[in-house]
Amino acid sequence: EFVHPIIARFMGSEAQLLELLKVLDDVAADSAHNIPVATKALATIADALAMYAGPAGGLRSGPASNPSFRAAFEALQPSALRLEEAVELLAAQRDRWLQQRRAETMMRAARHYEGAVARCISNGVLTCVCATKATQPPSFGDWAVSEVPSRIDLAGGW
């Protein structure tokens, strides 16, 4: 939420939006070794696109399955994560869609960035190391307590 006022300052013109997107692309690519930072940069791009498109862009939620983004999403696969390449591919397709100067394609691009964010979060979760210790099961009627970290998404995005 703290980035929205910053994004709003760049909403004056398309040139300012493109400048902001370029900075965020650079942050995401330069943070390829730091998945949380790169993920936040991609999420901020999605926010900027959606804010710039406004209500005329339609619903922000929806599928992120356009074949034009397939190569970028493949670069985000956990088995062969290539985050810098994914950022470049996302930006190239986004820029092609932005050339249409239509709110609908801007919002669709935002949805695909959200799809990329979901894949980055998934990659981050897969890096978690869990240690377990085998114990004897409790006797019948005894209570057992287990404590584990969890991720709860109340917004329903992942």
N, C-alpha and C. Protein backbone atom coordinates (compact mmCIF):
# COMPACT_ATOMS: atom_id res chain seq x y z
N GLU A 1 0.80 -1.19 0.00
CA GLU A 1 0.00 0.00 0.00
C GLU A 1 0.85 1.26 0.00
N PHE A 2 2.08 1.18 0.56
CA PHE A 2 2.90 2.38 0.63
C PHE A 2 3.39 2.82 -0.73
N VAL A 3 3.36 1.96 -1.73
CA VAL A 3 3.84 2.36 -3.06
C VAL A 3 2.76 3.05 -3.88
N HIS A 4 1.51 2.92 -3.51
CA HIS A 4 0.44 3.52 -4.31
C HIS A 4 0.56 5.04 -4.44
N PRO A 5 0.90 5.78 -3.36
CA PRO A 5 1.09 7.22 -3.56
C PRO A 5 2.25 7.53 -4.51
N ILE A 6 3.28 6.71 -4.47
CA ILE A 6 4.41 6.90 -5.39
C ILE A 6 3.97 6.64 -6.82
N ILE A 7 3.23 5.56 -7.02
CA ILE A 7 2.73 5.25 -8.37
C ILE A 7 1.82 6.38 -8.85
N ALA A 8 0.96 6.88 -7.97
CA ALA A 8 0.01 7.93 -8.36
C ALA A 8 0.74 9.17 -8.87
N ARG A 9 1.92 9.44 -8.34
CA ARG A 9 2.68 10.61 -8.81
C ARG A 9 3.13 10.44 -10.25
N PHE A 10 3.27 9.21 -10.71
CA PHE A 10 3.73 8.94 -12.07
C PHE A 10 2.58 8.81 -13.07
N MET A 11 1.37 8.97 -12.63
CA MET A 11 0.23 8.73 -13.48
C MET A 11 -0.15 9.94 -14.34
N GLY A 12 0.67 10.97 -14.32
CA GLY A 12 0.35 12.18 -15.07
C GLY A 12 0.41 11.99 -16.57
N SER A 13 1.32 11.19 -17.05
CA SER A 13 1.45 11.01 -18.49
C SER A 13 1.95 9.61 -18.79
N GLU A 14 1.76 9.23 -20.03
CA GLU A 14 2.25 7.91 -20.46
C GLU A 14 3.77 7.85 -20.35
N ALA A 15 4.45 8.94 -20.66
CA ALA A 15 5.91 8.97 -20.57
C ALA A 15 6.38 8.70 -19.14
N GLN A 16 5.67 9.27 -18.16
CA GLN A 16 6.03 9.03 -16.76
C GLN A 16 5.77 7.58 -16.37
N LEU A 17 4.67 7.03 -16.86
CA LEU A 17 4.38 5.62 -16.59
C LEU A 17 5.48 4.74 -17.16
N LEU A 18 5.88 4.99 -18.40
CA LEU A 18 6.92 4.18 -19.03
C LEU A 18 8.24 4.30 -18.28
N GLU A 19 8.52 5.48 -17.76
CA GLU A 19 9.74 5.68 -16.97
C GLU A 19 9.68 4.85 -15.69
N LEU A 20 8.54 4.88 -15.02
CA LEU A 20 8.35 4.08 -13.81
C LEU A 20 8.50 2.59 -14.10
N LEU A 21 7.86 2.13 -15.17
CA LEU A 21 7.94 0.71 -15.53
C LEU A 21 9.38 0.29 -15.81
N LYS A 22 10.15 1.15 -16.46
CA LYS A 22 11.56 0.85 -16.75
C LYS A 22 12.36 0.71 -15.46
N VAL A 23 12.12 1.61 -14.51
CA VAL A 23 12.82 1.52 -13.22
C VAL A 23 12.46 0.22 -12.52
N LEU A 24 11.17 -0.12 -12.51
CA LEU A 24 10.73 -1.35 -11.85
C LEU A 24 11.26 -2.59 -12.56
N ASP A 25 11.33 -2.55 -13.90
CA ASP A 25 11.94 -3.66 -14.65
C ASP A 25 13.38 -3.86 -14.19
N ASP A 26 14.12 -2.75 -14.06
CA ASP A 26 15.52 -2.83 -13.64
C ASP A 26 15.65 -3.39 -12.23
N VAL A 27 14.78 -2.95 -11.33
CA VAL A 27 14.81 -3.46 -9.96
C VAL A 27 14.56 -4.96 -9.96
N ALA A 28 13.55 -5.40 -10.71
CA ALA A 28 13.22 -6.83 -10.74
C ALA A 28 14.37 -7.64 -11.34
N ALA A 29 14.93 -7.18 -12.44
CA ALA A 29 16.03 -7.92 -13.09
C ALA A 29 17.28 -7.93 -12.21
N ASP A 30 17.58 -6.80 -11.59
CA ASP A 30 18.78 -6.72 -10.74
C ASP A 30 18.61 -7.49 -9.45
N SER A 31 17.38 -7.85 -9.10
CA SER A 31 17.10 -8.59 -7.86
C SER A 31 16.83 -10.05 -8.14
N ALA A 32 17.31 -10.56 -9.24
CA ALA A 32 17.05 -11.96 -9.61
C ALA A 32 17.53 -12.92 -8.52
N HIS A 33 18.52 -12.52 -7.76
CA HIS A 33 19.04 -13.36 -6.67
C HIS A 33 18.21 -13.22 -5.39
N ASN A 34 17.28 -12.27 -5.38
CA ASN A 34 16.46 -11.98 -4.20
C ASN A 34 14.99 -12.03 -4.61
N ILE A 35 14.41 -13.23 -4.57
CA ILE A 35 13.05 -13.44 -5.07
C ILE A 35 12.02 -12.50 -4.42
N PRO A 36 12.07 -12.26 -3.10
CA PRO A 36 11.06 -11.35 -2.53
C PRO A 36 11.11 -9.93 -3.11
N VAL A 37 12.29 -9.40 -3.34
CA VAL A 37 12.40 -8.04 -3.90
C VAL A 37 11.91 -8.04 -5.35
N ALA A 38 12.33 -9.01 -6.13
CA ALA A 38 11.90 -9.09 -7.52
C ALA A 38 10.38 -9.25 -7.60
N THR A 39 9.83 -10.06 -6.72
CA THR A 39 8.38 -10.28 -6.69
C THR A 39 7.63 -8.99 -6.39
N LYS A 40 8.13 -8.22 -5.43
CA LYS A 40 7.48 -6.95 -5.08
C LYS A 40 7.56 -5.97 -6.26
N ALA A 41 8.68 -5.97 -6.97
CA ALA A 41 8.79 -5.09 -8.15
C ALA A 41 7.77 -5.48 -9.21
N LEU A 42 7.61 -6.78 -9.46
CA LEU A 42 6.63 -7.23 -10.44
C LEU A 42 5.20 -6.91 -9.99
N ALA A 43 4.93 -7.05 -8.70
CA ALA A 43 3.61 -6.71 -8.17
C ALA A 43 3.33 -5.21 -8.31
N THR A 44 4.36 -4.41 -8.14
CA THR A 44 4.20 -2.96 -8.27
C THR A 44 3.94 -2.59 -9.73
N ILE A 45 4.55 -3.31 -10.66
CA ILE A 45 4.25 -3.09 -12.08
C ILE A 45 2.78 -3.40 -12.35
N ALA A 46 2.29 -4.51 -11.79
CA ALA A 46 0.87 -4.86 -11.97
C ALA A 46 -0.02 -3.75 -11.41
N ASP A 47 0.34 -3.24 -10.23
CA ASP A 47 -0.44 -2.14 -9.63
C ASP A 47 -0.43 -0.91 -10.52
N ALA A 48 0.74 -0.56 -11.03
CA ALA A 48 0.87 0.64 -11.87
C ALA A 48 0.03 0.51 -13.14
N LEU A 49 0.10 -0.65 -13.77
CA LEU A 49 -0.68 -0.86 -14.99
C LEU A 49 -2.18 -0.77 -14.71
N ALA A 50 -2.61 -1.40 -13.62
CA ALA A 50 -4.03 -1.38 -13.28
C ALA A 50 -4.49 0.02 -12.91
N MET A 51 -3.68 0.74 -12.16
CA MET A 51 -4.06 2.10 -11.79
C MET A 51 -4.13 3.01 -13.02
N TYR A 52 -3.20 2.84 -13.94
CA TYR A 52 -3.19 3.68 -15.13
C TYR A 52 -4.38 3.35 -16.03
N ALA A 53 -4.71 2.06 -16.13
CA ALA A 53 -5.85 1.65 -16.96
C ALA A 53 -7.16 2.15 -16.37
N GLY A 54 -7.26 2.13 -15.05
CA GLY A 54 -8.47 2.61 -14.38
C GLY A 54 -9.66 1.71 -14.65
N PRO A 55 -10.85 2.18 -14.32
CA PRO A 55 -12.05 1.36 -14.49
C PRO A 55 -12.33 0.98 -15.93
N ALA A 56 -11.83 1.76 -16.87
CA ALA A 56 -12.06 1.45 -18.29
C ALA A 56 -11.36 0.16 -18.70
N GLY A 57 -10.39 -0.27 -17.89
CA GLY A 57 -9.65 -1.49 -18.21
C GLY A 57 -10.40 -2.77 -17.92
N GLY A 58 -11.49 -2.67 -17.19
CA GLY A 58 -12.26 -3.87 -16.85
C GLY A 58 -11.78 -4.46 -15.55
N LEU A 59 -12.14 -5.72 -15.35
CA LEU A 59 -11.78 -6.41 -14.11
C LEU A 59 -10.30 -6.74 -14.07
N ARG A 60 -9.72 -6.54 -12.90
CA ARG A 60 -8.30 -6.88 -12.74
C ARG A 60 -8.11 -8.38 -12.55
N SER A 61 -9.07 -9.02 -11.94
CA SER A 61 -8.94 -10.46 -11.74
C SER A 61 -9.34 -11.19 -13.01
N GLY A 62 -8.73 -12.31 -13.23
CA GLY A 62 -9.05 -13.09 -14.42
C GLY A 62 -7.85 -13.94 -14.81
N PRO A 63 -7.95 -14.61 -15.92
CA PRO A 63 -6.88 -15.52 -16.32
C PRO A 63 -5.62 -14.77 -16.76
N ALA A 64 -4.51 -15.45 -16.59
CA ALA A 64 -3.22 -14.94 -17.07
C ALA A 64 -2.64 -16.04 -17.94
N SER A 65 -3.30 -16.30 -19.06
CA SER A 65 -2.93 -17.46 -19.86
C SER A 65 -2.74 -17.14 -21.34
N ASN A 66 -2.51 -15.88 -21.67
CA ASN A 66 -2.30 -15.53 -23.06
C ASN A 66 -1.01 -16.17 -23.55
N PRO A 67 -1.02 -16.83 -24.71
CA PRO A 67 0.18 -17.50 -25.22
C PRO A 67 1.37 -16.55 -25.39
N SER A 68 1.12 -15.27 -25.54
CA SER A 68 2.21 -14.31 -25.70
C SER A 68 3.10 -14.22 -24.47
N PHE A 69 2.58 -14.65 -23.33
CA PHE A 69 3.35 -14.60 -22.08
C PHE A 69 3.93 -15.97 -21.71
N ARG A 70 3.69 -16.98 -22.54
CA ARG A 70 4.11 -18.34 -22.20
C ARG A 70 5.61 -18.45 -21.95
N ALA A 71 6.42 -17.83 -22.81
CA ALA A 71 7.89 -17.93 -22.64
C ALA A 71 8.33 -17.31 -21.32
N ALA A 72 7.72 -16.21 -20.94
CA ALA A 72 8.07 -15.57 -19.66
C ALA A 72 7.70 -16.48 -18.49
N PHE A 73 6.52 -17.09 -18.57
CA PHE A 73 6.10 -17.98 -17.49
C PHE A 73 6.97 -19.24 -17.43
N GLU A 74 7.41 -19.72 -18.59
CA GLU A 74 8.31 -20.89 -18.60
C GLU A 74 9.63 -20.56 -17.94
N ALA A 75 10.08 -19.30 -18.07
CA ALA A 75 11.33 -18.89 -17.43
C ALA A 75 11.18 -18.80 -15.91
N LEU A 76 9.95 -18.85 -15.43
CA LEU A 76 9.70 -18.82 -13.99
C LEU A 76 9.43 -20.19 -13.40
N GLN A 77 9.63 -21.24 -14.19
CA GLN A 77 9.42 -22.60 -13.69
C GLN A 77 10.48 -22.92 -12.63
N PRO A 78 10.08 -23.55 -11.53
CA PRO A 78 11.03 -23.84 -10.45
C PRO A 78 12.21 -24.71 -10.90
N SER A 79 11.98 -25.59 -11.87
CA SER A 79 13.05 -26.50 -12.30
C SER A 79 14.15 -25.77 -13.05
N ALA A 80 13.83 -24.62 -13.62
CA ALA A 80 14.84 -23.86 -14.39
C ALA A 80 14.54 -22.37 -14.27
N LEU A 81 14.60 -21.86 -13.05
CA LEU A 81 14.26 -20.46 -12.81
C LEU A 81 15.28 -19.53 -13.46
N ARG A 82 14.76 -18.68 -14.36
CA ARG A 82 15.59 -17.68 -15.04
C ARG A 82 14.87 -16.34 -14.90
N LEU A 83 15.00 -15.74 -13.73
CA LEU A 83 14.21 -14.57 -13.40
C LEU A 83 14.54 -13.36 -14.27
N GLU A 84 15.82 -13.12 -14.52
CA GLU A 84 16.19 -11.98 -15.37
C GLU A 84 15.57 -12.11 -16.76
N GLU A 85 15.64 -13.31 -17.32
CA GLU A 85 15.05 -13.55 -18.64
C GLU A 85 13.54 -13.35 -18.60
N ALA A 86 12.90 -13.83 -17.54
CA ALA A 86 11.45 -13.67 -17.40
C ALA A 86 11.07 -12.20 -17.35
N VAL A 87 11.83 -11.40 -16.61
CA VAL A 87 11.54 -9.96 -16.52
C VAL A 87 11.64 -9.31 -17.90
N GLU A 88 12.66 -9.68 -18.66
CA GLU A 88 12.83 -9.12 -20.01
C GLU A 88 11.68 -9.53 -20.92
N LEU A 89 11.28 -10.79 -20.85
CA LEU A 89 10.19 -11.27 -21.70
C LEU A 89 8.86 -10.63 -21.31
N LEU A 90 8.61 -10.49 -20.01
CA LEU A 90 7.39 -9.83 -19.55
C LEU A 90 7.35 -8.38 -20.05
N ALA A 91 8.47 -7.68 -19.91
CA ALA A 91 8.52 -6.27 -20.33
C ALA A 91 8.32 -6.13 -21.83
N ALA A 92 8.91 -7.01 -22.60
CA ALA A 92 8.79 -6.92 -24.06
C ALA A 92 7.33 -7.11 -24.48
N GLN A 93 6.65 -8.10 -23.91
CA GLN A 93 5.25 -8.32 -24.27
C GLN A 93 4.37 -7.19 -23.74
N ARG A 94 4.64 -6.74 -22.52
CA ARG A 94 3.88 -5.61 -21.97
C ARG A 94 4.00 -4.39 -22.88
N ASP A 95 5.22 -4.10 -23.32
CA ASP A 95 5.43 -2.93 -24.17
C ASP A 95 4.70 -3.06 -25.51
N ARG A 96 4.63 -4.29 -26.04
CA ARG A 96 3.87 -4.50 -27.28
C ARG A 96 2.39 -4.19 -27.04
N TRP A 97 1.87 -4.63 -25.91
CA TRP A 97 0.47 -4.39 -25.61
C TRP A 97 0.22 -2.91 -25.31
N LEU A 98 1.18 -2.25 -24.66
CA LEU A 98 0.99 -0.83 -24.35
C LEU A 98 0.96 0.03 -25.61
N GLN A 99 1.59 -0.43 -26.66
CA GLN A 99 1.57 0.33 -27.92
C GLN A 99 0.16 0.46 -28.48
N GLN A 100 -0.72 -0.43 -28.07
CA GLN A 100 -2.11 -0.36 -28.52
C GLN A 100 -2.86 0.79 -27.86
N ARG A 101 -2.31 1.30 -26.75
CA ARG A 101 -2.91 2.43 -26.01
C ARG A 101 -4.38 2.17 -25.66
N ARG A 102 -4.65 0.95 -25.19
CA ARG A 102 -6.01 0.59 -24.79
C ARG A 102 -6.00 0.16 -23.33
N ALA A 103 -6.96 0.66 -22.58
CA ALA A 103 -7.05 0.32 -21.16
C ALA A 103 -7.21 -1.18 -20.95
N GLU A 104 -7.95 -1.84 -21.86
CA GLU A 104 -8.19 -3.28 -21.70
C GLU A 104 -6.90 -4.08 -21.78
N THR A 105 -6.04 -3.76 -22.73
CA THR A 105 -4.78 -4.52 -22.85
C THR A 105 -3.85 -4.19 -21.69
N MET A 106 -3.92 -2.97 -21.17
CA MET A 106 -3.12 -2.60 -20.02
C MET A 106 -3.54 -3.43 -18.80
N MET A 107 -4.85 -3.59 -18.63
CA MET A 107 -5.35 -4.39 -17.51
C MET A 107 -5.01 -5.87 -17.71
N ARG A 108 -5.07 -6.33 -18.93
CA ARG A 108 -4.69 -7.73 -19.20
C ARG A 108 -3.22 -7.95 -18.88
N ALA A 109 -2.38 -6.97 -19.21
CA ALA A 109 -0.97 -7.07 -18.88
C ALA A 109 -0.79 -7.12 -17.36
N ALA A 110 -1.58 -6.31 -16.64
CA ALA A 110 -1.51 -6.33 -15.17
C ALA A 110 -1.84 -7.72 -14.64
N ARG A 111 -2.86 -8.37 -15.22
CA ARG A 111 -3.22 -9.73 -14.79
C ARG A 111 -2.07 -10.70 -15.03
N HIS A 112 -1.36 -10.54 -16.14
CA HIS A 112 -0.25 -11.45 -16.42
C HIS A 112 0.92 -11.18 -15.47
N TYR A 113 1.11 -9.94 -15.09
CA TYR A 113 2.14 -9.65 -14.08
C TYR A 113 1.75 -10.28 -12.75
N GLU A 114 0.47 -10.27 -12.41
CA GLU A 114 0.02 -10.94 -11.19
C GLU A 114 0.25 -12.45 -11.29
N GLY A 115 0.08 -13.00 -12.49
CA GLY A 115 0.39 -14.42 -12.69
C GLY A 115 1.87 -14.69 -12.46
N ALA A 116 2.73 -13.78 -12.91
CA ALA A 116 4.17 -13.92 -12.69
C ALA A 116 4.48 -13.81 -11.20
N VAL A 117 3.80 -12.91 -10.51
CA VAL A 117 3.99 -12.76 -9.06
C VAL A 117 3.62 -14.06 -8.35
N ALA A 118 2.51 -14.67 -8.73
CA ALA A 118 2.10 -15.93 -8.12
C ALA A 118 3.15 -17.02 -8.33
N ARG A 119 3.73 -17.05 -9.51
CA ARG A 119 4.78 -18.05 -9.78
C ARG A 119 6.03 -17.76 -8.94
N CYS A 120 6.37 -16.50 -8.77
CA CYS A 120 7.52 -16.14 -7.94
C CYS A 120 7.29 -16.52 -6.48
N ILE A 121 6.07 -16.28 -5.99
CA ILE A 121 5.75 -16.67 -4.62
C ILE A 121 5.86 -18.18 -4.47
N SER A 122 5.36 -18.90 -5.46
CA SER A 122 5.46 -20.36 -5.43
C SER A 122 6.92 -20.80 -5.39
N ASN A 123 7.76 -20.16 -6.19
CA ASN A 123 9.19 -20.49 -6.18
C ASN A 123 9.80 -20.22 -4.81
N GLY A 124 9.42 -19.12 -4.20
CA GLY A 124 9.93 -18.81 -2.87
C GLY A 124 9.52 -19.83 -1.84
N VAL A 125 8.26 -20.27 -1.92
CA VAL A 125 7.77 -21.28 -0.98
C VAL A 125 8.54 -22.59 -1.15
N LEU A 126 8.86 -22.92 -2.39
CA LEU A 126 9.58 -24.17 -2.65
C LEU A 126 11.00 -24.16 -2.10
N THR A 127 11.54 -22.98 -1.78
CA THR A 127 12.90 -22.91 -1.23
C THR A 127 12.93 -23.13 0.27
N CYS A 128 11.77 -23.21 0.90
CA CYS A 128 11.72 -23.40 2.35
C CYS A 128 12.27 -24.77 2.72
N VAL A 129 13.06 -24.79 3.77
CA VAL A 129 13.62 -26.04 4.26
C VAL A 129 12.88 -26.39 5.54
N CYS A 130 12.35 -27.58 5.58
CA CYS A 130 11.60 -28.03 6.74
C CYS A 130 12.34 -29.18 7.41
N ALA A 131 12.49 -29.08 8.72
CA ALA A 131 13.14 -30.14 9.48
C ALA A 131 12.07 -30.80 10.35
N THR A 132 12.05 -32.10 10.33
CA THR A 132 11.10 -32.83 11.16
C THR A 132 11.86 -33.83 12.02
N LYS A 133 11.24 -34.21 13.10
CA LYS A 133 11.86 -35.17 14.00
C LYS A 133 10.84 -36.26 14.27
N ALA A 134 11.23 -37.48 14.05
CA ALA A 134 10.32 -38.61 14.28
C ALA A 134 10.11 -38.78 15.79
N THR A 135 8.87 -38.97 16.18
CA THR A 135 8.54 -39.21 17.59
C THR A 135 7.57 -40.37 17.67
N GLN A 136 7.41 -40.85 18.85
CA GLN A 136 6.44 -41.91 19.09
C GLN A 136 5.04 -41.32 19.09
N PRO A 137 4.09 -42.02 18.51
CA PRO A 137 2.72 -41.49 18.55
C PRO A 137 2.22 -41.46 19.99
N PRO A 138 1.33 -40.50 20.29
CA PRO A 138 0.79 -40.42 21.66
C PRO A 138 -0.10 -41.63 21.96
N SER A 139 -0.25 -41.88 23.19
CA SER A 139 -1.14 -42.96 23.62
C SER A 139 -2.58 -42.57 23.29
N PHE A 140 -3.41 -43.58 23.10
CA PHE A 140 -4.81 -43.33 22.79
C PHE A 140 -5.43 -42.48 23.90
N GLY A 141 -6.11 -41.40 23.47
CA GLY A 141 -6.75 -40.50 24.43
C GLY A 141 -5.89 -39.31 24.82
N ASP A 142 -4.57 -39.36 24.55
CA ASP A 142 -3.69 -38.22 24.85
C ASP A 142 -3.78 -37.20 23.71
N TRP A 143 -3.52 -35.96 24.04
CA TRP A 143 -3.53 -34.89 23.05
C TRP A 143 -2.13 -34.72 22.48
N ALA A 144 -2.06 -34.39 21.21
CA ALA A 144 -0.79 -34.07 20.56
C ALA A 144 -0.88 -32.65 20.01
N VAL A 145 0.22 -31.92 20.11
CA VAL A 145 0.26 -30.55 19.61
C VAL A 145 1.34 -30.46 18.53
N SER A 146 0.99 -29.82 17.46
CA SER A 146 1.94 -29.63 16.37
C SER A 146 1.97 -28.16 16.02
N GLU A 147 3.17 -27.61 15.82
CA GLU A 147 3.30 -26.21 15.44
C GLU A 147 4.05 -26.14 14.12
N VAL A 148 3.45 -25.43 13.15
CA VAL A 148 4.08 -25.28 11.84
C VAL A 148 3.81 -23.88 11.31
N PRO A 149 4.75 -23.35 10.55
CA PRO A 149 4.47 -22.05 9.91
C PRO A 149 3.48 -22.26 8.78
N SER A 150 2.72 -21.22 8.49
CA SER A 150 1.77 -21.34 7.38
C SER A 150 1.66 -20.00 6.68
N ARG A 151 1.17 -20.06 5.48
CA ARG A 151 0.90 -18.85 4.71
C ARG A 151 -0.60 -18.84 4.46
N ILE A 152 -1.23 -17.79 4.92
CA ILE A 152 -2.67 -17.66 4.75
C ILE A 152 -2.91 -16.45 3.86
N ASP A 153 -3.59 -16.66 2.77
CA ASP A 153 -3.89 -15.57 1.85
C ASP A 153 -5.36 -15.23 1.97
N LEU A 154 -5.66 -14.16 2.69
CA LEU A 154 -7.05 -13.77 2.89
C LEU A 154 -7.64 -13.08 1.66
N ALA A 155 -6.76 -12.64 0.74
CA ALA A 155 -7.26 -11.98 -0.45
C ALA A 155 -7.61 -12.99 -1.55
N GLY A 156 -7.18 -14.21 -1.41
CA GLY A 156 -7.54 -15.25 -2.38
C GLY A 156 -6.72 -15.24 -3.65
N GLY A 157 -5.53 -14.66 -3.62
CA GLY A 157 -4.75 -14.56 -4.86
C GLY A 157 -3.81 -15.70 -5.12
N TRP A 158 -3.57 -16.53 -4.12
CA TRP A 158 -2.58 -17.59 -4.33
C TRP A 158 -2.92 -18.83 -3.58
